[in-house]
Amino acid sequence: MKGSPARRRTTKTASPESGSSRAGRFVRQQGGPEGYSAFIPSPLPPDPPLVFDPELREALERASHALGRLDGVSASLEPDLLLYMYVRKEAVLSSQIEGTQSTLTDLLQYENAEAPGVPQEDVREVSRYVAALQHGFDRLRGGMPISLRLIREVHGVLVRDGRGGNQAPGEFRRSQNWIGGSRPGKARFVPPPPHEMLTALANLEKFLHDERERTPPLIKAGLAHVQFETIHPFLDGNGRVGRLLITLLLCAEEVLSQPFLYLSLYFKQNRADYYDALQRVRTHGDWEGWLSFYLVGMEEVATQATATARALLSLFEADRARVQKVGRGAASALSVYEFLRRKIIVSIPRAAEASGLSRPTVTAALERLSGLGITREITGKARDRQFVYSEQLKVLEEGIDE
């Protein structure tokens, strides 16, 4: 799934050398041996307004239709099951962008039994992403709007007790940060200083609440992501929170009934184009170029997610029918199978506890499932064995290691 690079538009905006653009301005700051220029974003929506030429309008329509298809097909698969799987896939992808080495298998094994040999800190970091997304979605279902308060809460869950745990979890920064380089004067990009950051955040919240004007949800999510990344309000975890913001905003705006869509795979596979599109907004005010890149990603990811949901439905239907035909022991095998497809990787004790069956019965059921080629043992040990639903994992892992 390779996306198209952001389009290069000829827009009547200031050049980066002039220190300002349609998206904001670079302001010289004192500090370090050479000083530096920090970017102060202008309030959203953009001014002059966005220009929707036929190509961009078509991209918006295609993305909207793809999201509608995804929401429709996902309704035929148990929401909790799809949510469980997709949240974990997104957690792995988003954390890989930040440099972790964990795989989806690592995360599932960790959640199942904290298996030895798994890179524990990396996996814990991915697990915290799962918790952060779930916290944000639960708060939305409880009636909390998308707001700075919710963003801070999500950040607090994301980085607490982790590598960023000493970076003020849930608190906006009080010092200057930067992206790339050893100091602001050598950085690739410098966000607004703290006093300007608070104003920018307040303006972002007003935009999220449509206080100036109503913005279509898909466009709002795309603009808000760039603005959040530009403000960079935390000392750590900004990229992950910024990617979460897209999904949570689409849920808050009821574009999606569940958080089933994640752009991390698209951003990961098109990383250079992603960073280039973000930077062109800042230097050239090229909001339309960013939206072109972003909407292509929305369409591709939603289309792939729809195909994945359909593949899983087909897989579950076929395998359930095979289990039902095993004869003696079919009932217990089916009970264990239902637990397996919800967790993908299971241990005998966990499966016994969840199904209410004895461990010998669960062991026999897993052996029947292995005989059908549905599951396989992955530890190679006589004790503390774990079993994976191979084909389901294969469907979900598509694109993760690219």
Protein backbone atom coordinates (compact mmCIF):
# COMPACT_ATOMS: atom_id res chain seq x y z
CA MET A 1 0.00 0.00 0.00
CA LYS A 2 2.06 2.90 -1.30
CA GLY A 3 0.52 6.34 -1.29
CA SER A 4 1.07 9.13 -3.75
CA PRO A 5 3.41 11.92 -2.68
CA ALA A 6 1.91 15.24 -1.72
CA ARG A 7 1.15 17.33 -4.77
CA ARG A 8 3.29 20.36 -5.44
CA ARG A 9 1.02 23.35 -5.94
CA THR A 10 1.86 26.82 -7.07
CA THR A 11 0.32 28.94 -4.35
CA LYS A 12 0.56 32.63 -3.72
CA THR A 13 2.29 32.29 -0.38
CA ALA A 14 5.40 33.75 1.12
CA SER A 15 8.68 31.96 0.59
CA PRO A 16 10.34 30.35 3.62
CA GLU A 17 13.09 32.96 3.44
CA SER A 18 10.58 35.71 4.19
CA GLY A 19 9.94 34.19 7.61
CA SER A 20 6.20 33.66 7.18
CA SER A 21 3.63 31.70 5.24
CA ARG A 22 -0.10 31.18 5.10
CA ALA A 23 0.27 28.70 8.01
CA GLY A 24 2.27 30.92 10.38
CA ARG A 25 5.55 32.72 10.78
CA PHE A 26 9.11 32.03 11.85
CA VAL A 27 10.18 34.29 14.70
CA ARG A 28 13.79 34.76 15.71
CA GLN A 29 14.56 33.69 19.28
CA GLN A 30 17.53 34.27 21.55
CA GLY A 31 19.30 31.20 22.89
CA GLY A 32 22.36 29.08 22.23
CA PRO A 33 25.43 30.31 20.42
CA GLU A 34 23.59 31.22 17.21
CA GLY A 35 19.97 31.84 18.20
CA TYR A 36 17.17 30.12 16.30
CA SER A 37 13.86 30.63 14.54
CA ALA A 38 10.73 29.14 16.11
CA PHE A 39 7.54 28.68 14.13
CA ILE A 40 4.37 30.36 15.42
CA PRO A 41 1.31 28.81 13.75
CA SER A 42 -1.64 30.90 12.61
CA PRO A 43 -5.10 29.92 13.88
CA LEU A 44 -7.15 27.41 11.91
CA PRO A 45 -8.92 27.25 9.54
CA PRO A 46 -6.39 28.57 7.02
CA ASP A 47 -6.63 32.12 5.76
CA PRO A 48 -6.93 32.56 2.80
CA PRO A 49 -9.43 29.67 2.81
CA LEU A 50 -8.66 26.25 1.40
CA VAL A 51 -8.96 25.92 -2.37
CA PHE A 52 -10.73 22.72 -3.36
CA ASP A 53 -9.86 22.18 -7.00
CA PRO A 54 -11.50 19.21 -8.79
CA GLU A 55 -8.61 16.87 -7.91
CA LEU A 56 -8.73 17.66 -4.19
CA ARG A 57 -12.52 17.53 -4.12
CA GLU A 58 -12.43 14.10 -5.75
CA ALA A 59 -9.86 12.91 -3.19
CA LEU A 60 -12.19 14.03 -0.38
CA GLU A 61 -15.16 12.22 -1.93
CA ARG A 62 -13.18 9.02 -2.45
CA ALA A 63 -11.89 9.06 1.11
CA SER A 64 -15.37 9.71 2.49
CA HIS A 65 -16.85 6.81 0.51
CA ALA A 66 -14.04 4.48 1.63
CA LEU A 67 -14.70 5.38 5.27
CA GLY A 68 -18.39 4.73 4.79
CA ARG A 69 -17.68 1.27 3.39
CA LEU A 70 -15.38 0.52 6.30
CA ASP A 71 -17.94 1.53 8.88
CA GLY A 72 -20.53 -0.59 7.09
CA VAL A 73 -18.52 -3.80 6.84
CA SER A 74 -17.17 -3.44 10.37
CA ALA A 75 -20.74 -3.58 11.67
CA SER A 76 -20.92 -7.21 10.48
CA LEU A 77 -17.91 -8.18 12.60
CA GLU A 78 -18.13 -7.99 16.38
CA PRO A 79 -16.99 -4.43 17.26
CA ASP A 80 -15.05 -5.53 20.32
CA LEU A 81 -13.16 -8.16 18.32
CA LEU A 82 -12.28 -5.79 15.49
CA LEU A 83 -11.36 -3.08 17.96
CA TYR A 84 -9.11 -5.43 19.92
CA MET A 85 -7.19 -6.40 16.81
CA TYR A 86 -6.96 -3.04 15.08
CA VAL A 87 -5.93 -1.14 18.19
CA ARG A 88 -3.03 -3.51 18.67
CA LYS A 89 -1.94 -3.35 15.05
CA GLU A 90 -2.00 0.44 15.18
CA ALA A 91 -0.08 0.44 18.46
CA VAL A 92 2.71 -1.61 16.91
CA LEU A 93 2.87 0.53 13.76
CA SER A 94 2.78 3.85 15.58
CA SER A 95 5.46 2.74 18.03
CA GLN A 96 7.66 1.41 15.20
CA ILE A 97 7.63 4.91 13.72
CA GLU A 98 9.13 6.07 17.02
CA GLY A 99 11.84 3.40 16.88
CA THR A 100 10.58 0.42 18.87
CA GLN A 101 11.35 -3.06 17.55
CA SER A 102 8.29 -4.89 18.84
CA THR A 103 6.05 -6.93 16.58
CA LEU A 104 2.38 -7.74 16.85
CA THR A 105 3.34 -11.23 18.02
CA ASP A 106 5.53 -9.74 20.76
CA LEU A 107 2.65 -7.62 22.03
CA LEU A 108 0.15 -10.48 22.01
CA GLN A 109 2.57 -12.80 23.80
CA TYR A 110 3.33 -10.11 26.36
CA GLU A 111 -0.36 -9.54 27.06
CA ASN A 112 -0.93 -13.27 27.31
CA ALA A 113 1.88 -14.24 29.64
CA GLU A 114 4.76 -11.71 29.51
CA ALA A 115 6.78 -14.30 27.66
CA PRO A 116 10.53 -14.34 28.39
CA GLY A 117 12.73 -13.26 25.51
CA VAL A 118 10.35 -10.55 24.33
CA PRO A 119 11.97 -7.05 24.44
CA GLN A 120 10.04 -5.99 27.51
CA GLU A 121 10.42 -2.21 27.50
CA ASP A 122 9.52 -1.92 23.82
CA VAL A 123 6.46 -4.09 24.33
CA ARG A 124 5.37 -2.16 27.41
CA GLU A 125 5.58 1.01 25.36
CA VAL A 126 3.33 -0.48 22.69
CA SER A 127 0.97 -1.73 25.40
CA ARG A 128 0.70 1.81 26.79
CA TYR A 129 -0.36 3.01 23.35
CA VAL A 130 -3.19 0.47 23.43
CA ALA A 131 -4.23 1.79 26.84
CA ALA A 132 -4.04 5.42 25.68
CA LEU A 133 -6.27 4.85 22.67
CA GLN A 134 -8.75 2.86 24.72
CA HIS A 135 -8.80 5.58 27.38
CA GLY A 136 -9.47 8.27 24.80
CA PHE A 137 -12.26 6.30 23.13
CA ASP A 138 -13.88 5.45 26.46
CA ARG A 139 -13.85 9.12 27.45
CA LEU A 140 -15.52 10.05 24.16
CA ARG A 141 -18.22 7.43 24.74
CA GLY A 142 -18.66 8.89 28.22
CA GLY A 143 -19.48 12.28 26.75
CA MET A 144 -16.17 14.13 26.94
CA PRO A 145 -15.52 16.25 23.83
CA ILE A 146 -12.25 16.35 21.94
CA SER A 147 -10.38 18.93 24.01
CA LEU A 148 -7.01 19.88 25.47
CA ARG A 149 -8.04 18.08 28.63
CA LEU A 150 -8.64 14.83 26.74
CA ILE A 151 -5.37 15.22 24.84
CA ARG A 152 -3.48 15.65 28.11
CA GLU A 153 -5.18 12.60 29.63
CA VAL A 154 -4.28 10.46 26.61
CA HIS A 155 -0.68 11.65 26.81
CA GLY A 156 -0.55 10.84 30.50
CA VAL A 157 -1.59 7.24 29.86
CA LEU A 158 0.78 6.95 26.91
CA VAL A 159 4.06 7.94 28.56
CA ARG A 160 3.50 7.26 32.25
CA ASP A 161 6.10 4.83 33.68
CA GLY A 162 7.79 4.52 30.31
CA ARG A 163 10.85 5.94 28.63
CA GLY A 164 9.03 9.27 28.51
CA GLY A 165 7.81 8.92 32.09
CA ASN A 166 10.20 11.62 33.25
CA GLN A 167 8.90 13.96 30.55
CA ALA A 168 5.89 15.38 32.45
CA PRO A 169 3.13 12.87 31.55
CA GLY A 170 -0.13 14.67 30.85
CA GLU A 171 1.44 18.11 31.15
CA PHE A 172 2.17 20.60 28.40
CA ARG A 173 5.83 21.53 28.18
CA ARG A 174 7.28 24.56 29.93
CA SER A 175 10.51 24.66 27.95
CA GLN A 176 11.58 24.88 24.34
CA ASN A 177 11.81 21.64 22.37
CA TRP A 178 12.96 20.98 18.82
CA ILE A 179 13.03 18.31 16.13
CA GLY A 180 16.34 17.01 14.79
CA GLY A 181 19.79 18.35 15.67
CA SER A 182 21.60 18.74 18.96
CA ARG A 183 20.14 22.14 19.84
CA PRO A 184 17.50 24.55 18.50
CA GLY A 185 20.01 26.43 16.35
CA LYS A 186 20.86 23.21 14.51
CA ALA A 187 17.34 21.75 14.47
CA ARG A 188 15.31 20.71 11.45
CA PHE A 189 12.26 22.41 12.98
CA VAL A 190 11.58 24.40 16.17
CA PRO A 191 7.99 24.57 17.51
CA PRO A 192 6.65 27.69 19.25
CA PRO A 193 8.19 28.66 22.61
CA PRO A 194 6.02 27.91 25.67
CA HIS A 195 4.30 31.30 25.95
CA GLU A 196 3.31 31.21 22.27
CA MET A 197 2.46 27.51 22.51
CA LEU A 198 -0.35 28.10 25.01
CA THR A 199 -2.03 30.58 22.69
CA ALA A 200 -1.67 28.18 19.76
CA LEU A 201 -3.22 25.37 21.80
CA ALA A 202 -6.16 27.54 22.82
CA ASN A 203 -6.73 28.39 19.15
CA LEU A 204 -6.52 24.71 18.24
CA GLU A 205 -9.20 23.84 20.79
CA LYS A 206 -11.48 26.54 19.37
CA PHE A 207 -11.00 25.02 15.93
CA LEU A 208 -11.80 21.54 17.23
CA HIS A 209 -15.05 22.93 18.66
CA ASP A 210 -15.95 24.80 15.40
CA GLU A 211 -16.04 28.12 17.24
CA ARG A 212 -15.05 30.15 14.16
CA GLU A 213 -16.81 28.09 11.50
CA ARG A 214 -17.88 24.53 10.77
CA THR A 215 -15.17 22.40 9.13
CA PRO A 216 -16.02 19.01 7.54
CA PRO A 217 -14.78 16.24 9.87
CA LEU A 218 -12.29 14.63 7.47
CA ILE A 219 -10.72 17.99 6.69
CA LYS A 220 -10.78 19.01 10.34
CA ALA A 221 -8.89 15.87 11.36
CA GLY A 222 -6.24 16.45 8.71
CA LEU A 223 -5.70 20.11 9.60
CA ALA A 224 -5.72 19.42 13.34
CA HIS A 225 -3.04 16.74 12.96
CA VAL A 226 -0.64 19.13 11.26
CA GLN A 227 -1.36 21.90 13.76
CA PHE A 228 -0.78 19.59 16.71
CA GLU A 229 2.50 18.30 15.27
CA THR A 230 3.58 21.87 14.60
CA ILE A 231 2.78 23.01 18.14
CA HIS A 232 4.51 19.90 19.56
CA PRO A 233 3.13 20.61 23.05
CA PHE A 234 4.73 17.72 24.96
CA LEU A 235 8.31 16.87 25.76
CA ASP A 236 7.77 13.33 24.48
CA GLY A 237 5.09 11.37 22.63
CA ASN A 238 3.88 14.12 20.29
CA GLY A 239 3.93 11.93 17.18
CA ARG A 240 1.90 9.16 18.77
CA VAL A 241 -0.65 11.54 20.29
CA GLY A 242 -0.92 13.41 16.99
CA ARG A 243 -1.74 10.19 15.14
CA LEU A 244 -4.26 9.20 17.81
CA LEU A 245 -5.91 12.60 17.45
CA ILE A 246 -6.98 11.82 13.87
CA THR A 247 -8.82 8.65 14.85
CA LEU A 248 -10.36 10.07 18.01
CA LEU A 249 -11.60 13.13 16.15
CA LEU A 250 -13.27 11.00 13.48
CA CYS A 251 -15.02 9.07 16.25
CA ALA A 252 -16.06 12.25 18.05
CA GLU A 253 -17.50 13.59 14.78
CA GLU A 254 -19.32 10.25 14.25
CA VAL A 255 -17.59 9.57 10.95
CA LEU A 256 -16.62 6.25 12.51
CA SER A 257 -18.65 4.39 15.11
CA GLN A 258 -15.50 2.68 16.42
CA PRO A 259 -11.81 3.65 16.11
CA PHE A 260 -11.08 1.21 13.28
CA LEU A 261 -8.99 3.49 11.04
CA TYR A 262 -5.34 4.30 11.61
CA LEU A 263 -2.95 6.15 9.32
CA SER A 264 0.29 4.97 10.92
CA LEU A 265 0.86 2.31 8.23
CA TYR A 266 0.45 4.90 5.46
CA PHE A 267 2.71 7.39 7.25
CA LYS A 268 5.29 4.65 7.89
CA GLN A 269 5.35 3.49 4.27
CA ASN A 270 5.51 7.08 2.96
CA ARG A 271 7.60 8.59 5.72
CA ALA A 272 9.67 10.97 3.59
CA ASP A 273 6.59 12.32 1.79
CA TYR A 274 4.79 12.66 5.13
CA TYR A 275 7.50 14.81 6.71
CA ASP A 276 7.92 16.79 3.51
CA ALA A 277 4.18 17.54 3.34
CA LEU A 278 4.17 18.70 6.97
CA GLN A 279 7.14 20.98 6.39
CA ARG A 280 5.71 22.50 3.22
CA VAL A 281 2.69 23.61 5.20
CA ARG A 282 5.02 25.52 7.53
CA THR A 283 7.33 26.96 4.90
CA HIS A 284 4.93 27.49 1.99
CA GLY A 285 1.46 27.37 3.56
CA ASP A 286 0.69 24.40 1.34
CA TRP A 287 -2.36 23.10 3.19
CA GLU A 288 -3.85 21.75 -0.04
CA GLY A 289 -0.73 19.71 -0.76
CA TRP A 290 -0.92 18.17 2.70
CA LEU A 291 -4.63 17.41 2.35
CA SER A 292 -3.99 15.72 -1.00
CA PHE A 293 -1.42 13.41 0.61
CA TYR A 294 -3.56 12.82 3.68
CA LEU A 295 -6.80 12.05 1.83
CA VAL A 296 -5.06 9.55 -0.45
CA GLY A 297 -3.89 7.86 2.74
CA MET A 298 -7.38 7.90 4.21
CA GLU A 299 -8.80 6.19 1.14
CA GLU A 300 -6.02 3.58 0.96
CA VAL A 301 -6.08 2.71 4.65
CA ALA A 302 -9.89 2.55 4.82
CA THR A 303 -10.00 0.36 1.71
CA GLN A 304 -7.36 -1.97 3.14
CA ALA A 305 -9.14 -2.11 6.50
CA THR A 306 -12.37 -3.03 4.74
CA ALA A 307 -10.60 -5.82 2.85
CA THR A 308 -9.07 -7.04 6.11
CA ALA A 309 -12.44 -7.12 7.85
CA ARG A 310 -13.95 -9.08 4.98
CA ALA A 311 -11.01 -11.51 4.93
CA LEU A 312 -11.44 -12.12 8.64
CA LEU A 313 -15.17 -12.71 8.28
CA SER A 314 -14.51 -15.28 5.56
CA LEU A 315 -11.74 -16.94 7.59
CA PHE A 316 -13.86 -17.20 10.73
CA GLU A 317 -16.84 -18.61 8.85
CA ALA A 318 -14.75 -21.28 7.13
CA ASP A 319 -12.79 -22.32 10.21
CA ARG A 320 -15.82 -22.41 12.47
CA ALA A 321 -17.48 -24.79 10.00
CA ARG A 322 -14.39 -27.04 10.04
CA VAL A 323 -14.34 -27.13 13.84
CA GLN A 324 -18.00 -28.09 13.98
CA LYS A 325 -17.27 -31.18 11.88
CA VAL A 326 -14.60 -32.72 14.13
CA GLY A 327 -17.17 -34.99 15.79
CA ARG A 328 -16.47 -35.91 19.38
CA GLY A 329 -15.06 -32.93 21.23
CA ALA A 330 -16.46 -30.42 18.74
CA ALA A 331 -18.25 -28.43 21.45
CA SER A 332 -15.13 -27.87 23.56
CA ALA A 333 -12.99 -27.25 20.48
CA LEU A 334 -15.47 -24.61 19.31
CA SER A 335 -15.45 -22.94 22.73
CA VAL A 336 -11.64 -22.75 22.69
CA TYR A 337 -11.71 -21.58 19.06
CA GLU A 338 -13.98 -18.65 19.94
CA PHE A 339 -11.55 -17.55 22.64
CA LEU A 340 -8.60 -18.04 20.28
CA ARG A 341 -10.01 -15.85 17.54
CA ARG A 342 -10.57 -13.05 20.03
CA LYS A 343 -7.04 -13.20 21.44
CA ILE A 344 -5.03 -14.66 18.49
CA ILE A 345 -2.38 -16.03 20.87
CA VAL A 346 -3.49 -18.05 23.91
CA SER A 347 -2.06 -20.17 26.70
CA ILE A 348 -3.77 -23.25 28.13
CA PRO A 349 -4.42 -21.67 31.58
CA ARG A 350 -5.90 -18.50 30.07
CA ALA A 351 -8.10 -20.47 27.66
CA ALA A 352 -9.28 -22.74 30.48
CA GLU A 353 -10.15 -19.78 32.67
CA ALA A 354 -12.03 -17.99 29.89
CA SER A 355 -13.95 -21.03 28.64
CA GLY A 356 -14.68 -22.65 31.99
CA LEU A 357 -13.20 -25.91 30.73
CA SER A 358 -10.57 -28.00 32.45
CA ARG A 359 -6.95 -27.71 31.35
CA PRO A 360 -6.86 -31.27 29.94
CA THR A 361 -9.99 -30.51 27.91
CA VAL A 362 -8.48 -27.26 26.61
CA THR A 363 -5.24 -29.07 25.77
CA ALA A 364 -7.15 -31.67 23.77
CA ALA A 365 -9.16 -28.95 22.02
CA LEU A 366 -6.01 -27.06 21.01
CA GLU A 367 -4.52 -30.27 19.67
CA ARG A 368 -7.65 -30.76 17.55
CA LEU A 369 -7.35 -27.20 16.26
CA SER A 370 -3.68 -27.83 15.48
CA GLY A 371 -4.64 -30.95 13.59
CA LEU A 372 -6.96 -28.84 11.46
CA GLY A 373 -4.13 -26.40 10.75
CA ILE A 374 -5.95 -23.59 12.54
CA THR A 375 -3.46 -23.13 15.36
CA ARG A 376 0.16 -23.99 16.07
CA GLU A 377 2.34 -23.98 19.17
CA ILE A 378 4.97 -21.22 19.08
CA THR A 379 7.21 -21.65 22.14
CA GLY A 380 8.64 -25.08 21.37
CA LYS A 381 8.55 -25.86 25.10
CA ALA A 382 6.87 -28.60 27.09
CA ARG A 383 5.59 -26.09 29.67
CA ASP A 384 4.04 -22.63 29.43
CA ARG A 385 3.04 -23.33 25.86
CA GLN A 386 1.32 -20.74 23.70
CA PHE A 387 -0.79 -21.26 20.59
CA VAL A 388 -1.34 -18.84 17.73
CA TYR A 389 -4.20 -18.55 15.25
CA SER A 390 -1.79 -18.46 12.32
CA GLU A 391 -3.99 -17.32 9.46
CA GLN A 392 -5.64 -14.59 11.50
CA LEU A 393 -2.26 -13.24 12.55
CA LYS A 394 -1.07 -13.37 8.93
CA VAL A 395 -4.01 -11.23 7.81
CA LEU A 396 -3.38 -8.66 10.53
CA GLU A 397 0.39 -8.48 10.06
CA GLU A 398 0.12 -7.40 6.44
CA GLY A 399 2.22 -4.26 6.00
CA ILE A 400 3.63 -4.10 9.53
CA ASP A 401 7.18 -5.16 8.67
CA GLU A 402 7.46 -3.34 5.33
